[in-house]
């Protein structure tokens, strides 16, 4: 029996890492090569991405905690979402949570050592009443816990973002979700430009921005690249990368375009194109990365601990074990190293 020979790579992955560390943007052909690389080069890609990740983030992992503070009944038609008006998914639907429930969730997040508490509401944009309740909740959480607060409230104007900043919100999430050319394929009730306008309003109020996307929607490789370049142009600080959970009752319920290796290639590409940004492996990591989840930490430096909006995440203890076994440590709200906790 003869050993199978492996052709030498046509891409110098470490040279791409050098380029990213020098602040140079990968060309489109280089970015396409990352996504099109064979599986035999995956570990070389991860090594290059890890060099960049380690330069900016060391061996630290940030934890975020997600609270779905208002669920369902959304008038938008986002095809991937179980809360949209066109979804028939069987999910729990409820108005904005009572303050005591939000504080209980914040206590849970703090006990799990989350550095950021992410408060999310469904809908196109918040009503005046709900917006006031959000501001009250932010003030109460901020007064009790050291966590940073990220709010995800839909489309926002400059007056609203100014009020959020004054209440103590550190960051606002508003995902681009996909490349501009693909946006009309996944949503028709608002536009890519609407999302850009919200992010710009957040930045004008002095808050940092959190924006990423979802992969597995039927996008082309160029859409994946376009979104990364748009996020770079916008100067987004935190980038959550979701992998489609094809939820029954949504238009994308039967879609399965991803495999764990391709998910890792996407993570590597985003680290090379967004070298200094916080990159988070977000929704769908358990479903799409599966047994390769730990490898994702060599490109990304952040995960959610706990559940997602309408789907469960893996147990916190499994996340802690994954972080510990891969040789990483937790990063606290102020950038300090903290010990991995026992799950309360």
C-alpha atoms as a PDB file:
ATOM      1  CA  UNK A   1       0.000   0.000   0.000  1.00  0.00           C
ATOM      2  CA  UNK A   2       1.371   3.391  -0.948  1.00  0.00           C
ATOM      3  CA  UNK A   3       0.676   6.592   0.902  1.00  0.00           C
ATOM      4  CA  UNK A   4      -1.622   9.063  -0.790  1.00  0.00           C
ATOM      5  CA  UNK A   5       0.316  12.107  -1.880  1.00  0.00           C
ATOM      6  CA  UNK A   6      -1.063  15.542  -1.102  1.00  0.00           C
ATOM      7  CA  UNK A   7      -0.421  18.288  -3.599  1.00  0.00           C
ATOM      8  CA  UNK A   8       1.255  21.361  -2.140  1.00  0.00           C
ATOM      9  CA  UNK A   9      -1.055  24.276  -1.452  1.00  0.00           C
ATOM     10  CA  UNK A  10      -1.263  27.037  -4.016  1.00  0.00           C
ATOM     11  CA  UNK A  11      -2.007  29.476  -1.178  1.00  0.00           C
ATOM     12  CA  UNK A  12       0.497  30.577   1.453  1.00  0.00           C
ATOM     13  CA  UNK A  13      -1.883  30.807   4.411  1.00  0.00           C
ATOM     14  CA  UNK A  14       0.730  32.322   6.716  1.00  0.00           C
ATOM     15  CA  UNK A  15       1.320  35.055   4.142  1.00  0.00           C
ATOM     16  CA  UNK A  16      -2.394  35.890   4.406  1.00  0.00           C
ATOM     17  CA  UNK A  17      -1.985  36.113   8.175  1.00  0.00           C
ATOM     18  CA  UNK A  18       0.975  38.469   7.663  1.00  0.00           C
ATOM     19  CA  UNK A  19      -1.194  40.573   5.386  1.00  0.00           C
ATOM     20  CA  UNK A  20      -4.020  40.749   7.932  1.00  0.00           C
ATOM     21  CA  UNK A  21      -1.626  41.656  10.746  1.00  0.00           C
ATOM     22  CA  UNK A  22      -0.183  44.433   8.593  1.00  0.00           C
ATOM     23  CA  UNK A  23      -3.661  45.928   8.200  1.00  0.00           C
ATOM     24  CA  UNK A  24      -3.935  45.030   4.533  1.00  0.00           C
ATOM     25  CA  UNK A  25      -7.297  43.871   3.179  1.00  0.00           C
ATOM     26  CA  UNK A  26      -7.338  40.513   1.421  1.00  0.00           C
ATOM     27  CA  UNK A  27      -8.189  40.755  -2.260  1.00  0.00           C
ATOM     28  CA  UNK A  28     -11.432  39.187  -3.450  1.00  0.00           C
ATOM     29  CA  UNK A  29      -9.524  36.360  -5.118  1.00  0.00           C
ATOM     30  CA  UNK A  30      -7.661  35.668  -1.873  1.00  0.00           C
ATOM     31  CA  UNK A  31     -10.929  35.647   0.078  1.00  0.00           C
ATOM     32  CA  UNK A  32     -12.480  33.297  -2.469  1.00  0.00           C
ATOM     33  CA  UNK A  33      -9.482  30.992  -2.088  1.00  0.00           C
ATOM     34  CA  UNK A  34     -10.106  30.746   1.666  1.00  0.00           C
ATOM     35  CA  UNK A  35     -13.681  29.573   1.113  1.00  0.00           C
ATOM     36  CA  UNK A  36     -12.782  27.236  -1.761  1.00  0.00           C
ATOM     37  CA  UNK A  37      -9.793  25.546  -0.118  1.00  0.00           C
ATOM     38  CA  UNK A  38      -9.797  21.744   0.173  1.00  0.00           C
ATOM     39  CA  UNK A  39     -10.306  20.045   3.514  1.00  0.00           C
ATOM     40  CA  UNK A  40      -6.650  18.965   3.488  1.00  0.00           C
ATOM     41  CA  UNK A  41      -5.660  22.597   4.092  1.00  0.00           C
ATOM     42  CA  UNK A  42      -8.130  23.325   6.872  1.00  0.00           C
ATOM     43  CA  UNK A  43      -5.624  23.002   9.720  1.00  0.00           C
ATOM     44  CA  UNK A  44      -3.206  25.292   7.886  1.00  0.00           C
ATOM     45  CA  UNK A  45      -6.003  27.846   7.519  1.00  0.00           C
ATOM     46  CA  UNK A  46      -6.853  27.580  11.210  1.00  0.00           C
ATOM     47  CA  UNK A  47      -3.191  28.045  12.128  1.00  0.00           C
ATOM     48  CA  UNK A  48      -3.080  31.257  10.092  1.00  0.00           C
ATOM     49  CA  UNK A  49      -6.333  32.534  11.595  1.00  0.00           C
ATOM     50  CA  UNK A  50      -5.123  31.651  15.090  1.00  0.00           C
ATOM     51  CA  UNK A  51      -1.958  33.713  14.634  1.00  0.00           C
ATOM     52  CA  UNK A  52      -4.128  36.745  13.980  1.00  0.00           C
ATOM     53  CA  UNK A  53      -6.597  35.907  16.737  1.00  0.00           C
ATOM     54  CA  UNK A  54      -3.804  35.394  19.276  1.00  0.00           C
ATOM     55  CA  UNK A  55      -2.132  38.680  18.319  1.00  0.00           C
ATOM     56  CA  UNK A  56      -5.256  40.661  19.188  1.00  0.00           C
ATOM     57  CA  UNK A  57      -7.004  38.483  21.766  1.00  0.00           C
ATOM     58  CA  UNK A  58      -4.420  36.161  23.302  1.00  0.00           C
ATOM     59  CA  UNK A  59      -5.953  32.930  24.591  1.00  0.00           C
ATOM     60  CA  UNK A  60      -9.048  34.586  26.046  1.00  0.00           C
ATOM     61  CA  UNK A  61     -12.694  33.795  25.272  1.00  0.00           C
ATOM     62  CA  UNK A  62     -15.548  36.210  25.937  1.00  0.00           C
ATOM     63  CA  UNK A  63     -18.969  34.955  27.012  1.00  0.00           C
ATOM     64  CA  UNK A  64     -22.219  36.675  26.068  1.00  0.00           C
ATOM     65  CA  UNK A  65     -25.667  35.851  27.454  1.00  0.00           C
ATOM     66  CA  UNK A  66     -28.740  36.285  25.249  1.00  0.00           C
ATOM     67  CA  UNK A  67     -32.192  37.155  26.597  1.00  0.00           C
ATOM     68  CA  UNK A  68     -35.214  37.079  24.292  1.00  0.00           C
ATOM     69  CA  UNK A  69     -37.114  39.776  26.179  1.00  0.00           C
ATOM     70  CA  UNK A  70     -40.030  39.955  23.708  1.00  0.00           C
ATOM     71  CA  UNK A  71     -40.843  36.996  21.492  1.00  0.00           C
ATOM     72  CA  UNK A  72     -42.778  36.488  18.275  1.00  0.00           C
ATOM     73  CA  UNK A  73     -45.477  38.595  16.619  1.00  0.00           C
ATOM     74  CA  UNK A  74     -42.984  40.313  14.309  1.00  0.00           C
ATOM     75  CA  UNK A  75     -44.377  42.071  11.185  1.00  0.00           C
ATOM     76  CA  UNK A  76     -41.203  41.428   9.156  1.00  0.00           C
ATOM     77  CA  UNK A  77     -40.770  38.512   6.733  1.00  0.00           C
ATOM     78  CA  UNK A  78     -37.180  37.377   7.380  1.00  0.00           C
ATOM     79  CA  UNK A  79     -37.206  33.886   5.890  1.00  0.00           C
ATOM     80  CA  UNK A  80     -34.898  32.283   8.452  1.00  0.00           C
ATOM     81  CA  UNK A  81     -36.713  33.554  11.542  1.00  0.00           C
ATOM     82  CA  UNK A  82     -39.246  31.624  13.619  1.00  0.00           C
ATOM     83  CA  UNK A  83     -40.663  34.918  14.961  1.00  0.00           C
ATOM     84  CA  UNK A  84     -41.548  36.456  11.586  1.00  0.00           C
ATOM     85  CA  UNK A  85     -45.064  37.029  10.292  1.00  0.00           C
ATOM     86  CA  UNK A  86     -44.660  34.253   7.704  1.00  0.00           C
ATOM     87  CA  UNK A  87     -43.431  31.636  10.176  1.00  0.00           C
ATOM     88  CA  UNK A  88     -45.707  28.865  11.418  1.00  0.00           C
ATOM     89  CA  UNK A  89     -43.106  27.589  13.881  1.00  0.00           C
ATOM     90  CA  UNK A  90     -44.431  26.610  17.282  1.00  0.00           C
ATOM     91  CA  UNK A  91     -42.630  29.043  19.554  1.00  0.00           C
ATOM     92  CA  UNK A  92     -43.484  30.819  22.762  1.00  0.00           C
ATOM     93  CA  UNK A  93     -44.851  34.312  22.097  1.00  0.00           C
ATOM     94  CA  UNK A  94     -44.977  37.021  24.738  1.00  0.00           C
ATOM     95  CA  UNK A  95     -44.805  40.827  25.134  1.00  0.00           C
ATOM     96  CA  UNK A  96     -41.902  42.615  26.793  1.00  0.00           C
ATOM     97  CA  UNK A  97     -40.914  40.806  29.972  1.00  0.00           C
ATOM     98  CA  UNK A  98     -41.617  42.073  33.454  1.00  0.00           C
ATOM     99  CA  UNK A  99     -38.620  43.759  35.047  1.00  0.00           C
ATOM    100  CA  UNK A 100     -38.218  41.039  37.676  1.00  0.00           C
ATOM    101  CA  UNK A 101     -37.801  38.408  34.940  1.00  0.00           C
ATOM    102  CA  UNK A 102     -35.183  40.515  33.203  1.00  0.00           C
ATOM    103  CA  UNK A 103     -33.286  40.974  36.460  1.00  0.00           C
ATOM    104  CA  UNK A 104     -33.458  37.226  37.115  1.00  0.00           C
ATOM    105  CA  UNK A 105     -31.974  36.608  33.669  1.00  0.00           C
ATOM    106  CA  UNK A 106     -29.245  39.160  34.366  1.00  0.00           C
ATOM    107  CA  UNK A 107     -28.444  37.393  37.631  1.00  0.00           C
ATOM    108  CA  UNK A 108     -28.157  34.122  35.720  1.00  0.00           C
ATOM    109  CA  UNK A 109     -25.896  35.732  33.125  1.00  0.00           C
ATOM    110  CA  UNK A 110     -23.661  37.180  35.811  1.00  0.00           C
ATOM    111  CA  UNK A 111     -23.415  33.842  37.622  1.00  0.00           C
ATOM    112  CA  UNK A 112     -22.323  32.202  34.362  1.00  0.00           C
ATOM    113  CA  UNK A 113     -19.515  34.798  34.053  1.00  0.00           C
ATOM    114  CA  UNK A 114     -20.932  36.445  30.938  1.00  0.00           C
ATOM    115  CA  UNK A 115     -19.166  39.703  30.211  1.00  0.00           C
ATOM    116  CA  UNK A 116     -22.053  41.025  28.118  1.00  0.00           C
ATOM    117  CA  UNK A 117     -25.807  40.805  28.717  1.00  0.00           C
ATOM    118  CA  UNK A 118     -27.648  40.937  25.380  1.00  0.00           C
ATOM    119  CA  UNK A 119     -31.282  42.052  25.537  1.00  0.00           C
ATOM    120  CA  UNK A 120     -33.276  41.296  22.375  1.00  0.00           C
ATOM    121  CA  UNK A 121     -36.836  42.130  21.373  1.00  0.00           C
ATOM    122  CA  UNK A 122     -38.781  40.962  18.342  1.00  0.00           C
ATOM    123  CA  UNK A 123     -40.367  43.412  15.921  1.00  0.00           C
ATOM    124  CA  UNK A 124     -39.454  45.968  13.293  1.00  0.00           C
ATOM    125  CA  UNK A 125     -38.711  48.634  15.895  1.00  0.00           C
ATOM    126  CA  UNK A 126     -39.855  49.221  19.490  1.00  0.00           C
ATOM    127  CA  UNK A 127     -43.043  51.079  20.367  1.00  0.00           C
ATOM    128  CA  UNK A 128     -42.687  54.106  22.633  1.00  0.00           C
ATOM    129  CA  UNK A 129     -43.999  52.085  25.596  1.00  0.00           C
ATOM    130  CA  UNK A 130     -41.650  49.158  25.030  1.00  0.00           C
ATOM    131  CA  UNK A 131     -38.735  51.502  24.404  1.00  0.00           C
ATOM    132  CA  UNK A 132     -39.358  53.154  27.767  1.00  0.00           C
ATOM    133  CA  UNK A 133     -39.474  49.736  29.440  1.00  0.00           C
ATOM    134  CA  UNK A 134     -36.176  48.826  27.777  1.00  0.00           C
ATOM    135  CA  UNK A 135     -34.540  51.984  29.126  1.00  0.00           C
ATOM    136  CA  UNK A 136     -35.791  51.187  32.643  1.00  0.00           C
ATOM    137  CA  UNK A 137     -34.501  47.606  32.392  1.00  0.00           C
ATOM    138  CA  UNK A 138     -31.092  48.784  31.198  1.00  0.00           C
ATOM    139  CA  UNK A 139     -30.742  51.166  34.135  1.00  0.00           C
ATOM    140  CA  UNK A 140     -31.701  48.479  36.640  1.00  0.00           C
ATOM    141  CA  UNK A 141     -29.337  45.858  35.231  1.00  0.00           C
ATOM    142  CA  UNK A 142     -26.514  48.386  34.963  1.00  0.00           C
ATOM    143  CA  UNK A 143     -26.968  49.409  38.599  1.00  0.00           C
ATOM    144  CA  UNK A 144     -26.694  45.827  39.851  1.00  0.00           C
ATOM    145  CA  UNK A 145     -24.159  44.005  37.678  1.00  0.00           C
ATOM    146  CA  UNK A 146     -20.732  44.681  36.139  1.00  0.00           C
ATOM    147  CA  UNK A 147     -21.692  43.272  32.736  1.00  0.00           C
ATOM    148  CA  UNK A 148     -21.734  45.350  29.594  1.00  0.00           C
ATOM    149  CA  UNK A 149     -25.168  45.684  27.986  1.00  0.00           C
ATOM    150  CA  UNK A 150     -25.921  45.079  24.325  1.00  0.00           C
ATOM    151  CA  UNK A 151     -29.414  45.900  23.042  1.00  0.00           C
ATOM    152  CA  UNK A 152     -30.973  44.419  19.907  1.00  0.00           C
ATOM    153  CA  UNK A 153     -34.184  46.333  19.250  1.00  0.00           C
ATOM    154  CA  UNK A 154     -34.703  46.398  15.487  1.00  0.00           C
ATOM    155  CA  UNK A 155     -34.536  49.553  13.395  1.00  0.00           C
ATOM    156  CA  UNK A 156     -33.593  52.655  15.399  1.00  0.00           C
ATOM    157  CA  UNK A 157     -33.311  56.383  14.743  1.00  0.00           C
ATOM    158  CA  UNK A 158     -30.759  58.824  16.151  1.00  0.00           C
ATOM    159  CA  UNK A 159     -33.064  60.098  18.900  1.00  0.00           C
ATOM    160  CA  UNK A 160     -33.542  56.544  20.167  1.00  0.00           C
ATOM    161  CA  UNK A 161     -29.852  55.715  20.051  1.00  0.00           C
ATOM    162  CA  UNK A 162     -29.048  58.854  22.039  1.00  0.00           C
ATOM    163  CA  UNK A 163     -31.486  57.733  24.755  1.00  0.00           C
ATOM    164  CA  UNK A 164     -30.008  54.237  24.822  1.00  0.00           C
ATOM    165  CA  UNK A 165     -26.521  55.641  25.286  1.00  0.00           C
ATOM    166  CA  UNK A 166     -27.714  57.904  28.102  1.00  0.00           C
ATOM    167  CA  UNK A 167     -29.361  54.938  29.856  1.00  0.00           C
ATOM    168  CA  UNK A 168     -26.095  53.009  29.882  1.00  0.00           C
ATOM    169  CA  UNK A 169     -26.244  50.745  26.834  1.00  0.00           C
ATOM    170  CA  UNK A 170     -22.701  49.940  25.752  1.00  0.00           C
ATOM    171  CA  UNK A 171     -23.415  48.367  22.388  1.00  0.00           C
ATOM    172  CA  UNK A 172     -26.288  47.854  19.964  1.00  0.00           C
ATOM    173  CA  UNK A 173     -26.676  44.781  17.790  1.00  0.00           C
ATOM    174  CA  UNK A 174     -28.200  44.996  14.335  1.00  0.00           C
ATOM    175  CA  UNK A 175     -27.070  42.244  11.985  1.00  0.00           C
ATOM    176  CA  UNK A 176     -26.564  42.740   8.258  1.00  0.00           C
ATOM    177  CA  UNK A 177     -27.360  39.001   7.960  1.00  0.00           C
ATOM    178  CA  UNK A 178     -26.045  38.545   4.404  1.00  0.00           C
ATOM    179  CA  UNK A 179     -24.430  40.424   1.538  1.00  0.00           C
ATOM    180  CA  UNK A 180     -26.290  43.355   0.003  1.00  0.00           C
ATOM    181  CA  UNK A 181     -26.896  41.568  -3.307  1.00  0.00           C
ATOM    182  CA  UNK A 182     -28.548  38.633  -1.519  1.00  0.00           C
ATOM    183  CA  UNK A 183     -30.644  40.636   0.930  1.00  0.00           C
ATOM    184  CA  UNK A 184     -33.839  40.684  -1.127  1.00  0.00           C
ATOM    185  CA  UNK A 185     -33.791  36.876  -1.207  1.00  0.00           C
ATOM    186  CA  UNK A 186     -34.187  36.608   2.569  1.00  0.00           C
ATOM    187  CA  UNK A 187     -36.329  39.648   3.442  1.00  0.00           C
ATOM    188  CA  UNK A 188     -38.633  42.036   1.563  1.00  0.00           C
ATOM    189  CA  UNK A 189     -40.132  44.162   4.370  1.00  0.00           C
ATOM    190  CA  UNK A 190     -36.998  46.228   4.940  1.00  0.00           C
ATOM    191  CA  UNK A 191     -33.736  46.756   3.105  1.00  0.00           C
ATOM    192  CA  UNK A 192     -30.020  46.322   3.590  1.00  0.00           C
ATOM    193  CA  UNK A 193     -29.726  50.124   3.618  1.00  0.00           C
ATOM    194  CA  UNK A 194     -32.237  50.306   6.497  1.00  0.00           C
ATOM    195  CA  UNK A 195     -29.878  48.173   8.534  1.00  0.00           C
ATOM    196  CA  UNK A 196     -26.876  50.288   7.602  1.00  0.00           C
ATOM    197  CA  UNK A 197     -28.762  53.422   8.718  1.00  0.00           C
ATOM    198  CA  UNK A 198     -29.433  51.911  12.149  1.00  0.00           C
ATOM    199  CA  UNK A 199     -25.768  51.020  12.631  1.00  0.00           C
ATOM    200  CA  UNK A 200     -24.729  54.540  11.650  1.00  0.00           C
ATOM    201  CA  UNK A 201     -27.242  56.002  14.119  1.00  0.00           C
ATOM    202  CA  UNK A 202     -25.750  53.833  16.869  1.00  0.00           C
ATOM    203  CA  UNK A 203     -22.249  55.027  16.074  1.00  0.00           C
ATOM    204  CA  UNK A 204     -23.363  58.662  16.008  1.00  0.00           C
ATOM    205  CA  UNK A 205     -24.562  58.236  19.608  1.00  0.00           C
ATOM    206  CA  UNK A 206     -21.119  57.062  20.717  1.00  0.00           C
ATOM    207  CA  UNK A 207     -21.978  53.401  21.267  1.00  0.00           C
ATOM    208  CA  UNK A 208     -20.124  50.522  19.674  1.00  0.00           C
ATOM    209  CA  UNK A 209     -21.806  48.326  17.100  1.00  0.00           C
ATOM    210  CA  UNK A 210     -22.412  44.598  16.980  1.00  0.00           C
ATOM    211  CA  UNK A 211     -23.297  43.225  13.559  1.00  0.00           C
ATOM    212  CA  UNK A 212     -22.808  39.960  11.731  1.00  0.00           C
ATOM    213  CA  UNK A 213     -24.810  37.501   9.738  1.00  0.00           C
ATOM    214  CA  UNK A 214     -26.240  34.077   9.112  1.00  0.00           C
ATOM    215  CA  UNK A 215     -24.696  31.497   6.814  1.00  0.00           C
ATOM    216  CA  UNK A 216     -26.529  28.679   5.067  1.00  0.00           C
ATOM    217  CA  UNK A 217     -29.312  30.876   3.636  1.00  0.00           C
ATOM    218  CA  UNK A 218     -28.455  30.005   0.037  1.00  0.00           C
ATOM    219  CA  UNK A 219     -25.843  32.735  -0.308  1.00  0.00           C
ATOM    220  CA  UNK A 220     -22.929  32.569  -2.732  1.00  0.00           C
ATOM    221  CA  UNK A 221     -19.322  32.844  -1.603  1.00  0.00           C
ATOM    222  CA  UNK A 222     -19.253  36.419  -2.896  1.00  0.00           C
ATOM    223  CA  UNK A 223     -22.161  37.278  -0.577  1.00  0.00           C
ATOM    224  CA  UNK A 224     -20.136  35.980   2.381  1.00  0.00           C
ATOM    225  CA  UNK A 225     -17.201  38.135   1.304  1.00  0.00           C
ATOM    226  CA  UNK A 226     -19.371  41.190   0.590  1.00  0.00           C
ATOM    227  CA  UNK A 227     -20.840  41.135   4.089  1.00  0.00           C
ATOM    228  CA  UNK A 228     -17.405  40.911   5.719  1.00  0.00           C
ATOM    229  CA  UNK A 229     -16.150  43.852   3.674  1.00  0.00           C
ATOM    230  CA  UNK A 230     -19.264  45.878   4.535  1.00  0.00           C
ATOM    231  CA  UNK A 231     -18.687  45.214   8.245  1.00  0.00           C
ATOM    232  CA  UNK A 232     -15.072  46.293   7.862  1.00  0.00           C
ATOM    233  CA  UNK A 233     -16.085  49.546   6.133  1.00  0.00           C
ATOM    234  CA  UNK A 234     -18.587  50.264   8.909  1.00  0.00           C
ATOM    235  CA  UNK A 235     -15.994  49.741  11.633  1.00  0.00           C
ATOM    236  CA  UNK A 236     -18.175  47.256  13.500  1.00  0.00           C
ATOM    237  CA  UNK A 237     -16.660  46.241  16.848  1.00  0.00           C
ATOM    238  CA  UNK A 238     -18.294  42.863  17.502  1.00  0.00           C
ATOM    239  CA  UNK A 239     -19.243  40.323  14.830  1.00  0.00           C
ATOM    240  CA  UNK A 240     -21.633  37.453  15.662  1.00  0.00           C
ATOM    241  CA  UNK A 241     -21.505  34.706  13.037  1.00  0.00           C
ATOM    242  CA  UNK A 242     -24.603  32.504  12.998  1.00  0.00           C
ATOM    243  CA  UNK A 243     -25.066  29.251  11.125  1.00  0.00           C
ATOM    244  CA  UNK A 244     -28.594  28.514   9.983  1.00  0.00           C
ATOM    245  CA  UNK A 245     -30.779  26.400  12.215  1.00  0.00           C
ATOM    246  CA  UNK A 246     -33.437  25.308   9.690  1.00  0.00           C
ATOM    247  CA  UNK A 247     -36.445  25.703  11.985  1.00  0.00           C
ATOM    248  CA  UNK A 248     -39.629  23.844  10.960  1.00  0.00           C
ATOM    249  CA  UNK A 249     -42.317  26.317   9.953  1.00  0.00           C
ATOM    250  CA  UNK A 250     -39.922  28.788   8.332  1.00  0.00           C
ATOM    251  CA  UNK A 251     -39.326  29.057   4.566  1.00  0.00           C
ATOM    252  CA  UNK A 252     -35.799  27.689   5.079  1.00  0.00           C
ATOM    253  CA  UNK A 253     -36.863  24.706   7.189  1.00  0.00           C
ATOM    254  CA  UNK A 254     -35.391  22.130   4.784  1.00  0.00           C
ATOM    255  CA  UNK A 255     -32.218  23.975   3.890  1.00  0.00           C
ATOM    256  CA  UNK A 256     -28.911  22.282   4.688  1.00  0.00           C
ATOM    257  CA  UNK A 257     -26.055  23.884   2.767  1.00  0.00           C
ATOM    258  CA  UNK A 258     -23.363  23.756   5.442  1.00  0.00           C
ATOM    259  CA  UNK A 259     -20.916  21.270   6.871  1.00  0.00           C
ATOM    260  CA  UNK A 260     -18.562  21.759   9.834  1.00  0.00           C
ATOM    261  CA  UNK A 261     -15.473  22.247   7.685  1.00  0.00           C
ATOM    262  CA  UNK A 262     -17.086  24.992   5.613  1.00  0.00           C
ATOM    263  CA  UNK A 263     -18.226  26.722   8.802  1.00  0.00           C
ATOM    264  CA  UNK A 264     -14.612  26.740   9.976  1.00  0.00           C
ATOM    265  CA  UNK A 265     -13.447  28.189   6.667  1.00  0.00           C
ATOM    266  CA  UNK A 266     -15.970  31.008   7.069  1.00  0.00           C
ATOM    267  CA  UNK A 267     -14.659  31.713  10.580  1.00  0.00           C
ATOM    268  CA  UNK A 268     -11.084  31.780   9.252  1.00  0.00           C
ATOM    269  CA  UNK A 269     -12.046  34.189   6.478  1.00  0.00           C
ATOM    270  CA  UNK A 270     -13.737  36.589   8.875  1.00  0.00           C
ATOM    271  CA  UNK A 271     -10.729  36.568  11.190  1.00  0.00           C
ATOM    272  CA  UNK A 272      -8.444  37.398   8.260  1.00  0.00           C
ATOM    273  CA  UNK A 273     -10.748  40.145   6.946  1.00  0.00           C
ATOM    274  CA  UNK A 274     -11.665  41.521  10.397  1.00  0.00           C
ATOM    275  CA  UNK A 275      -8.465  40.837  12.319  1.00  0.00           C
ATOM    276  CA  UNK A 276      -9.007  43.028  15.393  1.00  0.00           C
ATOM    277  CA  UNK A 277     -12.748  42.567  15.814  1.00  0.00           C
ATOM    278  CA  UNK A 278     -14.433  40.421  18.427  1.00  0.00           C
ATOM    279  CA  UNK A 279     -15.733  37.468  16.416  1.00  0.00           C
ATOM    280  CA  UNK A 280     -18.426  35.363  18.049  1.00  0.00           C
ATOM    281  CA  UNK A 281     -19.524  31.872  17.103  1.00  0.00           C
ATOM    282  CA  UNK A 282     -23.225  32.464  17.620  1.00  0.00           C
ATOM    283  CA  UNK A 283     -26.474  30.635  16.854  1.00  0.00           C
ATOM    284  CA  UNK A 284     -26.261  27.247  15.192  1.00  0.00           C
ATOM    285  CA  UNK A 285     -22.755  26.331  16.325  1.00  0.00           C
ATOM    286  CA  UNK A 286     -24.004  23.185  18.044  1.00  0.00           C
ATOM    287  CA  UNK A 287     -26.047  22.165  14.980  1.00  0.00           C
ATOM    288  CA  UNK A 288     -23.585  23.022  12.219  1.00  0.00           C
ATOM    289  CA  UNK A 289     -20.091  22.795  13.755  1.00  0.00           C
ATOM    290  CA  UNK A 290     -21.011  19.784  15.865  1.00  0.00           C
ATOM    291  CA  UNK A 291     -17.883  17.919  17.036  1.00  0.00           C
ATOM    292  CA  UNK A 292     -15.624  20.578  15.504  1.00  0.00           C
ATOM    293  CA  UNK A 293     -16.895  23.381  17.774  1.00  0.00           C
ATOM    294  CA  UNK A 294     -13.604  23.642  19.740  1.00  0.00           C
ATOM    295  CA  UNK A 295     -11.659  24.320  16.540  1.00  0.00           C
ATOM    296  CA  UNK A 296     -13.802  27.396  15.977  1.00  0.00           C
ATOM    297  CA  UNK A 297     -12.168  29.038  18.991  1.00  0.00           C
ATOM    298  CA  UNK A 298      -8.876  29.199  17.116  1.00  0.00           C
ATOM    299  CA  UNK A 299     -10.456  31.792  14.809  1.00  0.00           C
ATOM    300  CA  UNK A 300     -13.205  33.281  16.995  1.00  0.00           C
ATOM    301  CA  UNK A 301     -12.812  34.694  20.497  1.00  0.00           C
ATOM    302  CA  UNK A 302     -16.383  34.761  21.764  1.00  0.00           C
ATOM    303  CA  UNK A 303     -19.460  32.545  22.188  1.00  0.00           C
ATOM    304  CA  UNK A 304     -22.926  32.755  23.684  1.00  0.00           C
ATOM    305  CA  UNK A 305     -23.438  30.833  26.910  1.00  0.00           C
ATOM    306  CA  UNK A 306     -26.984  29.573  27.457  1.00  0.00           C
ATOM    307  CA  UNK A 307     -29.820  29.515  24.948  1.00  0.00           C
ATOM    308  CA  UNK A 308     -30.556  31.482  21.774  1.00  0.00           C
ATOM    309  CA  UNK A 309     -33.733  33.355  20.839  1.00  0.00           C
ATOM    310  CA  UNK A 310     -36.090  30.427  20.230  1.00  0.00           C
ATOM    311  CA  UNK A 311     -33.696  27.456  20.166  1.00  0.00           C
ATOM    312  CA  UNK A 312     -31.650  25.869  22.969  1.00  0.00           C
ATOM    313  CA  UNK A 313     -27.887  26.059  23.278  1.00  0.00           C
ATOM    314  CA  UNK A 314     -25.665  23.436  24.832  1.00  0.00           C
ATOM    315  CA  UNK A 315     -25.176  23.273  28.592  1.00  0.00           C
ATOM    316  CA  UNK A 316     -22.879  25.879  30.108  1.00  0.00           C
ATOM    317  CA  UNK A 317     -20.729  23.134  31.617  1.00  0.00           C
ATOM    318  CA  UNK A 318     -20.063  21.786  28.107  1.00  0.00           C
ATOM    319  CA  UNK A 319     -18.972  25.263  27.002  1.00  0.00           C
ATOM    320  CA  UNK A 320     -16.632  25.595  29.969  1.00  0.00           C
ATOM    321  CA  UNK A 321     -15.128  22.169  29.269  1.00  0.00           C
ATOM    322  CA  UNK A 322     -14.640  23.082  25.610  1.00  0.00           C
ATOM    323  CA  UNK A 323     -12.842  26.305  26.543  1.00  0.00           C
ATOM    324  CA  UNK A 324     -10.685  24.627  29.178  1.00  0.00           C
ATOM    325  CA  UNK A 325      -9.776  21.603  27.049  1.00  0.00           C
ATOM    326  CA  UNK A 326      -8.700  23.821  24.146  1.00  0.00           C
ATOM    327  CA  UNK A 327      -6.336  25.751  26.427  1.00  0.00           C
ATOM    328  CA  UNK A 328      -8.291  29.005  26.579  1.00  0.00           C
ATOM    329  CA  UNK A 329      -9.360  31.146  29.546  1.00  0.00           C
ATOM    330  CA  UNK A 330     -12.363  33.377  30.171  1.00  0.00           C
ATOM    331  CA  UNK A 331     -12.198  37.133  29.771  1.00  0.00           C
ATOM    332  CA  UNK A 332     -14.194  39.271  32.179  1.00  0.00           C
ATOM    333  CA  UNK A 333     -16.118  42.498  31.451  1.00  0.00           C
ATOM    334  CA  UNK A 334     -13.010  44.648  31.930  1.00  0.00           C
ATOM    335  CA  UNK A 335     -10.631  42.421  29.962  1.00  0.00           C
ATOM    336  CA  UNK A 336      -9.349  40.547  33.014  1.00  0.00           C
ATOM    337  CA  UNK A 337      -8.736  36.790  33.074  1.00  0.00           C
ATOM    338  CA  UNK A 338     -11.264  34.959  35.252  1.00  0.00           C
ATOM    339  CA  UNK A 339     -11.517  31.367  36.397  1.00  0.00           C
ATOM    340  CA  UNK A 340     -13.963  29.047  34.711  1.00  0.00           C
ATOM    341  CA  UNK A 341     -16.859  28.669  37.149  1.00  0.00           C
ATOM    342  CA  UNK A 342     -18.818  25.705  38.327  1.00  0.00           C
ATOM    343  CA  UNK A 343     -22.352  25.847  36.932  1.00  0.00           C
ATOM    344  CA  UNK A 344     -24.757  27.029  39.635  1.00  0.00           C
END
